[in-house]
Amino acid sequence: MSMTQEELDALLAAPALAPPEGEIPNFDNPPNRNGLAWGVTTLCIVITTLCLLLRAYVRVWREKRIHKEEVLMILAYGALWGTAYAAYGMIYAPGYYVHQWHLTNGDLVRPLWLILVYGCCYSVVLPLIKTAILLDWCRVFISIDKYKSPFWWSCIILSVFQCLWGLACVILLNLQCRPHRAIWEFYIPAQCYALPSVMLGSGSVQVATDVLMVLLPQRIIWKLQMNWQRKLGISVIFGVGLIASVAACVRLAHTVTFAHEPDKMYFIGPLLFWAWGEMAAGFFILSVPCLPKLAAASSLPSKVRSLLGLSYGSKSISARNSNPLVTIGGTGGSNKKHHLVKSTLGTDTYHEIEDGVALGSESQEHLRQEQEHGSGLHPAREDERAIHVTHSTRVIVTKKDSGSDLSENLTPWTSHLILCK
């Protein structure tokens, strides 16, 4: 049944919620916590941007390559700005932590539209970033025979489920009312279902998948053949998913409150904040495995780098004959080769070469560039500065006992030890 313009104007001018006893509505300047909203939203955008730049620096600038994970991360970052647009828009209409009795029905039109935009973009960001994380873990933990690995299948199934659920959420959010514009123009005749039902389902799925992602790599890590300190360091690196799990659990709790409280506009604020925490945590988790790459080339103490599970570093010439350094690693189908080479520029130090790119000192990288383009030095001097290979050993890690299924996921992990003259 359609309303006349006078009836519509009267409806939109009416209070959105009856005030509690003793409360006086303030429609002109309602109390709010918009300063907190500015801080949380901006901080999360800065964190996600830094994480994106960190991964881009390591993968594109240092390693000179890009994988599916980086593409998915960029797509997720683009969708993230959709949530940023909606989050900043909510500051101006109606504001964060504004009680609904301080608003008129007309004040609800734009925030309802912004909540729809936020929900759709959020449902795109999380599947993309979680899929990128899982694919990245597959590249780290699986070398060959991935189709025989339960870990690989678990990651793929979880990724497919995440993407299908994200698509379903976007569809459900946009089909909650017929006609579509009745989602925010609530005063027109329409057939709708309750939005909190979709939000509760989404929150429950995100909590379950976050917990599964925390547990997935731990079994493989604690079966690695290394001391417990290094296992602990690697476990911590891949266990930062607990941050996302905590954020998802708190968001789910706020979603339950939002679903049962009539003061929707007040309780939507903390729900959006913790959704921001989930998204920022996803970007952080994806960038964390890149931190050891930077730390390896830095001046961190050797004990700290060893605790983080880093094999990059240096070894003195005196230890060459007693306990040679062996690097074990595998990154999916990339077949990386790790080498130790000696810098001949006045130091007895060994540096690691990964796929032909020096991870050691800047002087060694400079030497490699000079050898490629010609330095113009006397031939005898160039011979003195060249890198000489005297011995190569191939190491294959295999299953040690029948009770361990390490080979199922990590065999064969190969590396090459090159002792340099």
Protein backbone atom coordinates (compact mmCIF):
# COMPACT_ATOMS: atom_id res chain seq x y z
CA MET A 1 0.00 0.00 0.00
CA SER A 2 1.57 3.25 -1.15
CA MET A 3 1.77 6.33 1.06
CA THR A 4 1.13 9.91 0.19
CA GLN A 5 4.03 12.34 0.27
CA GLU A 6 2.73 13.86 3.50
CA GLU A 7 2.56 10.45 5.17
CA LEU A 8 6.08 9.60 3.98
CA ASP A 9 7.49 12.88 5.29
CA ALA A 10 5.85 12.27 8.66
CA LEU A 11 7.27 8.74 8.82
CA LEU A 12 10.80 9.85 7.98
CA ALA A 13 10.64 12.65 10.57
CA ALA A 14 9.54 10.33 13.37
CA PRO A 15 12.10 9.01 15.92
CA ALA A 16 13.75 5.76 14.80
CA LEU A 17 13.37 4.27 18.30
CA ALA A 18 11.44 5.23 21.37
CA PRO A 19 13.84 6.68 23.97
CA PRO A 20 14.21 5.03 27.39
CA GLU A 21 12.66 6.74 30.34
CA GLY A 22 14.56 9.87 31.22
CA GLU A 23 16.38 10.14 27.86
CA ILE A 24 15.79 13.21 25.70
CA PRO A 25 16.39 12.70 21.95
CA ASN A 26 19.07 14.90 20.40
CA PHE A 27 18.48 14.87 16.66
CA ASP A 28 20.80 17.79 15.83
CA ASN A 29 24.08 16.72 17.49
CA PRO A 30 23.79 13.27 19.07
CA PRO A 31 26.67 12.04 21.26
CA ASN A 32 29.04 9.73 19.39
CA ARG A 33 32.52 8.20 19.34
CA ASN A 34 33.55 9.16 15.84
CA GLY A 35 37.12 9.87 16.96
CA LEU A 36 37.54 6.19 17.80
CA ALA A 37 36.10 5.27 14.40
CA TRP A 38 38.60 7.52 12.63
CA GLY A 39 41.48 5.95 14.54
CA VAL A 40 40.47 2.29 14.12
CA THR A 41 39.63 2.58 10.43
CA THR A 42 42.76 4.54 9.55
CA LEU A 43 45.03 2.25 11.60
CA CYS A 44 43.68 -0.86 9.89
CA ILE A 45 44.13 0.71 6.44
CA VAL A 46 47.74 1.63 7.29
CA ILE A 47 48.45 -1.92 8.52
CA THR A 48 47.01 -3.57 5.43
CA THR A 49 48.85 -1.15 3.13
CA LEU A 50 52.18 -1.79 4.86
CA CYS A 51 51.60 -5.55 4.65
CA LEU A 52 50.88 -5.28 0.94
CA LEU A 53 54.01 -3.20 0.34
CA LEU A 54 56.14 -5.60 2.41
CA ARG A 55 55.07 -8.62 0.40
CA ALA A 56 55.40 -6.73 -2.88
CA TYR A 57 58.94 -5.69 -1.91
CA VAL A 58 60.04 -9.22 -1.05
CA ARG A 59 58.31 -11.03 -3.92
CA VAL A 60 58.54 -8.54 -6.75
CA TRP A 61 61.59 -6.44 -5.93
CA ARG A 62 63.89 -8.96 -4.25
CA GLU A 63 62.78 -12.27 -5.71
CA LYS A 64 61.70 -10.88 -9.11
CA ARG A 65 58.59 -13.01 -9.34
CA ILE A 66 54.89 -12.90 -8.62
CA HIS A 67 52.50 -15.74 -7.83
CA LYS A 68 48.76 -16.23 -7.53
CA GLU A 69 48.95 -15.22 -3.88
CA GLU A 70 50.11 -11.72 -4.75
CA VAL A 71 47.33 -11.33 -7.34
CA LEU A 72 44.70 -12.40 -4.80
CA MET A 73 46.19 -10.05 -2.21
CA ILE A 74 45.92 -7.10 -4.61
CA LEU A 75 42.30 -7.98 -5.43
CA ALA A 76 41.51 -8.25 -1.72
CA TYR A 77 43.15 -4.88 -1.13
CA GLY A 78 40.96 -3.33 -3.82
CA ALA A 79 37.82 -4.74 -2.19
CA LEU A 80 39.12 -3.49 1.16
CA TRP A 81 38.73 0.08 -0.04
CA GLY A 82 35.04 -0.62 -0.53
CA THR A 83 34.77 -1.35 3.17
CA ALA A 84 36.83 1.77 3.89
CA TYR A 85 34.41 3.89 1.87
CA ALA A 86 31.46 2.50 3.84
CA ALA A 87 33.27 2.76 7.19
CA TYR A 88 34.21 6.40 6.69
CA GLY A 89 30.72 7.13 5.37
CA MET A 90 29.20 5.80 8.60
CA ILE A 91 31.11 8.49 10.52
CA TYR A 92 29.05 11.21 8.85
CA ALA A 93 25.74 9.35 8.74
CA PRO A 94 24.76 8.58 11.42
CA GLY A 95 28.03 8.31 13.42
CA TYR A 96 29.46 5.52 15.58
CA TYR A 97 27.95 4.57 18.93
CA VAL A 98 24.93 6.78 18.31
CA HIS A 99 21.80 5.55 20.06
CA GLN A 100 18.95 5.06 17.66
CA TRP A 101 16.55 7.24 19.64
CA HIS A 102 18.74 10.19 18.68
CA LEU A 103 17.96 9.48 15.01
CA THR A 104 14.89 9.87 12.85
CA ASN A 105 13.72 7.24 10.41
CA GLY A 106 15.09 9.39 7.60
CA ASP A 107 18.55 9.18 9.20
CA LEU A 108 18.58 5.41 8.70
CA VAL A 109 18.39 5.39 4.89
CA ARG A 110 22.04 6.10 4.10
CA PRO A 111 23.59 3.96 6.91
CA LEU A 112 21.50 0.96 5.80
CA TRP A 113 22.94 1.36 2.30
CA LEU A 114 26.49 1.74 3.68
CA ILE A 115 26.06 -1.40 5.80
CA LEU A 116 25.11 -3.31 2.63
CA VAL A 117 28.23 -2.03 0.84
CA TYR A 118 30.42 -2.90 3.83
CA GLY A 119 28.97 -6.41 4.11
CA CYS A 120 29.44 -7.18 0.41
CA CYS A 121 33.04 -5.95 0.32
CA TYR A 122 33.87 -7.74 3.58
CA SER A 123 32.47 -10.97 2.07
CA VAL A 124 34.89 -10.53 -0.84
CA VAL A 125 38.00 -9.52 1.11
CA LEU A 126 38.13 -12.46 3.53
CA PRO A 127 37.79 -15.31 0.98
CA LEU A 128 40.44 -13.73 -1.25
CA ILE A 129 42.97 -13.12 1.51
CA LYS A 130 42.39 -16.51 3.16
CA THR A 131 42.78 -18.29 -0.16
CA ALA A 132 46.03 -16.40 -0.74
CA ILE A 133 47.28 -17.50 2.69
CA LEU A 134 46.42 -21.15 2.06
CA LEU A 135 48.05 -21.17 -1.39
CA ASP A 136 51.14 -19.57 0.09
CA TRP A 137 51.32 -22.29 2.74
CA CYS A 138 50.99 -24.95 0.05
CA ARG A 139 53.98 -23.41 -1.73
CA VAL A 140 55.99 -23.43 1.50
CA PHE A 141 55.16 -26.89 2.87
CA ILE A 142 54.55 -29.00 -0.26
CA SER A 143 57.41 -29.79 -2.62
CA ILE A 144 56.20 -32.47 -5.04
CA ASP A 145 53.40 -35.06 -5.21
CA LYS A 146 50.99 -32.46 -3.88
CA TYR A 147 47.99 -34.54 -4.95
CA LYS A 148 49.03 -37.18 -2.41
CA SER A 149 49.27 -34.68 0.43
CA PRO A 150 46.35 -34.37 2.88
CA PHE A 151 47.65 -30.91 3.76
CA TRP A 152 47.36 -29.74 0.14
CA TRP A 153 43.85 -31.15 -0.23
CA SER A 154 42.79 -29.58 3.07
CA CYS A 155 44.01 -26.17 1.89
CA ILE A 156 42.30 -26.46 -1.49
CA ILE A 157 38.99 -27.65 -0.03
CA LEU A 158 39.06 -24.86 2.56
CA SER A 159 39.86 -22.28 -0.14
CA VAL A 160 37.03 -23.44 -2.40
CA PHE A 161 34.60 -23.43 0.52
CA GLN A 162 35.68 -19.91 1.51
CA CYS A 163 35.16 -18.57 -2.01
CA LEU A 164 31.77 -20.25 -2.45
CA TRP A 165 30.60 -19.02 0.95
CA GLY A 166 31.77 -15.48 0.20
CA LEU A 167 29.87 -15.53 -3.10
CA ALA A 168 26.77 -16.88 -1.34
CA CYS A 169 26.94 -14.10 1.26
CA VAL A 170 27.11 -11.39 -1.40
CA ILE A 171 24.08 -12.91 -3.15
CA LEU A 172 22.11 -13.28 0.09
CA LEU A 173 22.88 -9.73 1.18
CA ASN A 174 21.57 -8.37 -2.11
CA LEU A 175 18.49 -10.60 -2.15
CA GLN A 176 17.34 -9.83 1.38
CA CYS A 177 14.60 -7.59 0.00
CA ARG A 178 12.53 -7.50 -3.14
CA PRO A 179 12.68 -4.96 -4.67
CA HIS A 180 16.41 -4.45 -4.09
CA ARG A 181 16.22 -0.78 -3.06
CA ALA A 182 13.93 -1.72 -0.20
CA ILE A 183 17.09 -2.87 1.62
CA TRP A 184 17.79 0.77 2.52
CA GLU A 185 14.50 2.40 1.54
CA PHE A 186 12.71 0.42 4.21
CA TYR A 187 9.49 2.38 3.90
CA ILE A 188 8.48 1.03 0.48
CA PRO A 189 6.36 -2.16 0.26
CA ALA A 190 8.65 -5.18 0.00
CA GLN A 191 9.29 -8.78 0.98
CA CYS A 192 12.39 -9.07 3.20
CA TYR A 193 14.11 -11.50 5.52
CA ALA A 194 16.19 -10.61 8.57
CA LEU A 195 19.75 -9.48 7.79
CA PRO A 196 21.18 -10.67 11.17
CA SER A 197 20.56 -14.28 10.10
CA VAL A 198 23.10 -13.90 7.28
CA MET A 199 25.50 -12.04 9.56
CA LEU A 200 25.38 -14.77 12.22
CA GLY A 201 26.00 -17.46 9.60
CA SER A 202 28.92 -15.51 8.15
CA GLY A 203 30.48 -14.94 11.58
CA SER A 204 30.21 -18.62 12.51
CA VAL A 205 31.86 -19.74 9.26
CA GLN A 206 34.72 -17.25 9.67
CA VAL A 207 35.43 -18.43 13.22
CA ALA A 208 35.47 -22.10 12.15
CA THR A 209 37.76 -21.52 9.16
CA ASP A 210 40.13 -19.33 11.18
CA VAL A 211 40.57 -22.07 13.79
CA LEU A 212 41.19 -24.67 11.07
CA MET A 213 43.79 -22.44 9.44
CA VAL A 214 45.64 -22.04 12.74
CA LEU A 215 45.83 -25.81 13.22
CA LEU A 216 46.63 -26.86 9.64
CA PRO A 217 50.39 -26.14 9.45
CA GLN A 218 51.24 -27.04 13.05
CA ARG A 219 51.26 -30.81 12.46
CA ILE A 220 53.81 -30.48 9.66
CA ILE A 221 55.97 -27.97 11.54
CA TRP A 222 56.34 -30.15 14.64
CA LYS A 223 57.38 -33.14 12.51
CA LEU A 224 60.30 -31.26 10.95
CA GLN A 225 63.73 -32.66 11.73
CA MET A 226 65.16 -29.72 13.66
CA ASN A 227 65.54 -28.68 17.27
CA TRP A 228 62.50 -27.62 19.23
CA GLN A 229 63.59 -23.99 19.43
CA ARG A 230 63.46 -23.62 15.65
CA LYS A 231 60.20 -25.55 15.52
CA LEU A 232 58.77 -23.14 18.06
CA GLY A 233 59.93 -20.13 16.07
CA ILE A 234 58.38 -21.41 12.84
CA SER A 235 55.24 -22.44 14.72
CA VAL A 236 54.86 -18.90 16.04
CA ILE A 237 55.29 -17.44 12.55
CA PHE A 238 52.54 -19.65 11.14
CA GLY A 239 50.44 -19.38 14.30
CA VAL A 240 49.71 -15.67 14.03
CA GLY A 241 46.35 -16.75 12.67
CA LEU A 242 45.26 -16.74 16.30
CA ILE A 243 44.92 -12.97 15.90
CA ALA A 244 42.29 -13.44 13.21
CA SER A 245 40.58 -16.15 15.28
CA VAL A 246 40.27 -13.85 18.28
CA ALA A 247 38.94 -11.01 16.10
CA ALA A 248 36.43 -13.36 14.45
CA CYS A 249 35.20 -14.66 17.82
CA VAL A 250 34.70 -11.16 19.23
CA ARG A 251 32.95 -10.07 16.04
CA LEU A 252 30.61 -13.06 16.29
CA ALA A 253 29.77 -12.09 19.88
CA HIS A 254 28.95 -8.54 18.78
CA THR A 255 26.89 -9.95 15.88
CA VAL A 256 24.77 -11.90 18.37
CA THR A 257 24.23 -8.71 20.37
CA PHE A 258 23.40 -6.76 17.21
CA ALA A 259 20.85 -9.40 16.18
CA HIS A 260 18.94 -9.25 19.46
CA GLU A 261 19.13 -5.57 20.40
CA PRO A 262 16.61 -3.09 18.98
CA ASP A 263 19.22 -0.30 19.11
CA LYS A 264 20.88 -1.45 15.85
CA MET A 265 22.76 1.74 15.00
CA TYR A 266 24.55 1.75 18.34
CA PHE A 267 25.70 -1.86 18.26
CA ILE A 268 26.78 -1.86 14.61
CA GLY A 269 29.89 0.17 15.56
CA PRO A 270 31.88 -2.46 17.50
CA LEU A 271 30.81 -5.11 15.00
CA LEU A 272 32.39 -3.10 12.15
CA PHE A 273 35.53 -2.46 14.21
CA TRP A 274 36.17 -6.15 14.78
CA ALA A 275 35.43 -6.93 11.15
CA TRP A 276 38.24 -4.49 10.36
CA GLY A 277 40.43 -6.43 12.77
CA GLU A 278 39.70 -9.66 10.90
CA MET A 279 40.64 -8.17 7.54
CA ALA A 280 43.80 -6.49 8.81
CA ALA A 281 44.84 -9.74 10.52
CA GLY A 282 44.45 -11.59 7.23
CA PHE A 283 46.85 -9.23 5.44
CA PHE A 284 49.27 -9.44 8.35
CA ILE A 285 49.24 -13.24 8.33
CA LEU A 286 49.99 -13.31 4.61
CA SER A 287 52.95 -10.94 5.02
CA VAL A 288 54.49 -12.58 8.11
CA PRO A 289 56.33 -15.36 6.18
CA CYS A 290 58.14 -12.59 4.30
CA LEU A 291 59.62 -11.15 7.50
CA PRO A 292 62.32 -13.86 7.86
CA LYS A 293 63.51 -13.02 4.35
CA LEU A 294 64.16 -9.46 5.46
CA ALA A 295 65.52 -10.52 8.83
CA ALA A 296 67.92 -12.96 7.15
CA ALA A 297 69.56 -10.14 5.22
CA SER A 298 69.60 -7.87 8.26
CA SER A 299 72.05 -7.59 11.13
CA LEU A 300 69.93 -9.55 13.62
CA PRO A 301 71.94 -11.75 15.98
CA SER A 302 72.43 -15.31 14.75
CA LYS A 303 70.54 -16.76 17.75
CA VAL A 304 67.47 -14.70 16.90
CA ARG A 305 67.58 -15.76 13.27
CA SER A 306 68.04 -19.39 14.27
CA LEU A 307 65.03 -19.17 16.58
CA LEU A 308 62.95 -17.90 13.65
CA GLY A 309 63.97 -20.93 11.62
CA LEU A 310 66.19 -18.94 9.28
CA SER A 311 68.85 -20.75 7.30
CA TYR A 312 70.15 -17.62 5.66
CA GLY A 313 73.28 -16.30 7.19
CA SER A 314 77.02 -16.77 7.30
CA LYS A 315 79.45 -19.40 8.46
CA SER A 316 83.10 -18.86 9.28
CA ILE A 317 85.79 -20.70 7.38
CA SER A 318 87.04 -22.37 10.55
CA ALA A 319 83.78 -24.29 10.83
CA ARG A 320 83.83 -25.45 7.24
CA ASN A 321 85.66 -28.68 7.97
CA SER A 322 83.86 -29.49 11.23
CA ASN A 323 80.16 -28.91 10.78
CA PRO A 324 79.13 -27.73 7.33
CA LEU A 325 75.91 -25.76 7.05
CA VAL A 326 73.10 -27.53 5.22
CA THR A 327 70.02 -25.63 4.16
CA ILE A 328 66.80 -27.60 3.88
CA GLY A 329 63.83 -26.02 2.18
CA GLY A 330 61.06 -26.42 -0.35
CA THR A 331 58.57 -24.07 -1.91
CA GLY A 332 56.07 -25.98 -3.91
CA GLY A 333 56.79 -26.41 -7.55
CA SER A 334 59.47 -23.74 -7.76
CA ASN A 335 62.36 -26.22 -7.21
CA LYS A 336 64.49 -23.63 -5.46
CA LYS A 337 68.20 -24.31 -5.02
CA HIS A 338 70.06 -22.92 -2.04
CA HIS A 339 73.82 -22.45 -2.27
CA LEU A 340 76.53 -21.17 0.03
CA VAL A 341 79.18 -19.05 -1.63
CA LYS A 342 82.24 -17.39 -0.20
CA SER A 343 82.73 -13.65 -0.49
CA THR A 344 86.33 -12.97 -1.59
CA LEU A 345 86.24 -9.27 -0.79
CA GLY A 346 88.38 -9.51 2.27
CA THR A 347 86.20 -11.69 4.52
CA ASP A 348 85.94 -15.41 5.21
CA THR A 349 82.15 -15.44 5.06
CA TYR A 350 79.71 -17.71 3.29
CA HIS A 351 76.47 -16.33 1.88
CA GLU A 352 73.43 -18.09 0.49
CA ILE A 353 72.33 -17.83 -3.12
CA GLU A 354 68.64 -18.46 -3.87
CA ASP A 355 67.66 -18.97 -7.53
CA GLY A 356 70.77 -17.07 -8.59
CA VAL A 357 69.99 -14.01 -6.44
CA ALA A 358 72.41 -13.24 -3.64
CA LEU A 359 70.91 -13.04 -0.18
CA GLY A 360 74.19 -12.06 1.42
CA SER A 361 76.11 -8.81 1.47
CA GLU A 362 75.69 -5.88 -0.90
CA SER A 363 79.32 -6.20 -1.99
CA GLN A 364 78.67 -9.73 -3.21
CA GLU A 365 75.64 -8.58 -5.23
CA HIS A 366 77.83 -5.81 -6.67
CA LEU A 367 80.45 -8.41 -7.61
CA ARG A 368 77.83 -10.50 -9.44
CA GLN A 369 76.68 -7.48 -11.44
CA GLU A 370 80.25 -6.61 -12.35
CA GLN A 371 80.87 -10.15 -13.57
CA GLU A 372 77.77 -9.95 -15.79
CA HIS A 373 78.54 -6.59 -17.38
CA GLY A 374 82.32 -6.52 -17.14
CA SER A 375 84.24 -4.44 -14.66
CA GLY A 376 87.20 -3.49 -16.77
CA LEU A 377 89.68 -4.81 -14.19
CA HIS A 378 92.82 -6.72 -14.99
CA PRO A 379 92.04 -10.43 -15.75
CA ALA A 380 94.15 -11.57 -12.82
CA ARG A 381 92.22 -9.33 -10.44
CA GLU A 382 88.90 -10.62 -11.81
CA ASP A 383 90.06 -14.19 -11.21
CA GLU A 384 90.86 -13.29 -7.61
CA ARG A 385 87.36 -11.90 -7.10
CA ALA A 386 85.53 -14.76 -8.82
CA ILE A 387 83.51 -17.33 -6.94
CA HIS A 388 85.08 -20.80 -7.09
CA VAL A 389 83.08 -23.97 -6.48
CA THR A 390 85.12 -26.84 -5.12
CA HIS A 391 82.57 -29.33 -3.80
CA SER A 392 78.83 -30.01 -4.13
CA THR A 393 76.71 -32.26 -1.97
CA ARG A 394 73.05 -33.11 -2.52
CA VAL A 395 71.01 -33.86 0.57
CA ILE A 396 67.62 -35.60 0.45
CA VAL A 397 65.46 -35.75 3.57
CA THR A 398 63.38 -38.90 3.69
CA LYS A 399 61.09 -40.68 6.10
CA LYS A 400 62.99 -41.88 9.17
CA ASP A 401 60.56 -44.30 10.73
CA SER A 402 57.27 -45.96 10.02
CA GLY A 403 55.52 -43.91 12.68
CA SER A 404 56.15 -40.59 10.95
CA ASP A 405 54.53 -39.38 7.81
CA LEU A 406 56.91 -36.45 7.27
CA SER A 407 57.74 -37.68 3.79
CA GLU A 408 54.11 -37.45 2.90
CA ASN A 409 54.27 -33.66 2.96
CA LEU A 410 57.93 -32.67 2.77
CA THR A 411 59.77 -35.40 0.84
CA PRO A 412 61.94 -34.89 -0.99
CA TRP A 413 63.16 -31.55 0.26
CA THR A 414 66.50 -31.04 -1.42
CA SER A 415 69.28 -28.55 -1.05
CA HIS A 416 72.80 -28.12 -2.31
CA LEU A 417 75.79 -27.36 -0.12
CA ILE A 418 78.58 -25.67 -2.00
CA LEU A 419 81.82 -25.13 -0.10
CA CYS A 420 83.77 -22.35 -1.70
CA LYS A 421 87.42 -21.85 -1.98
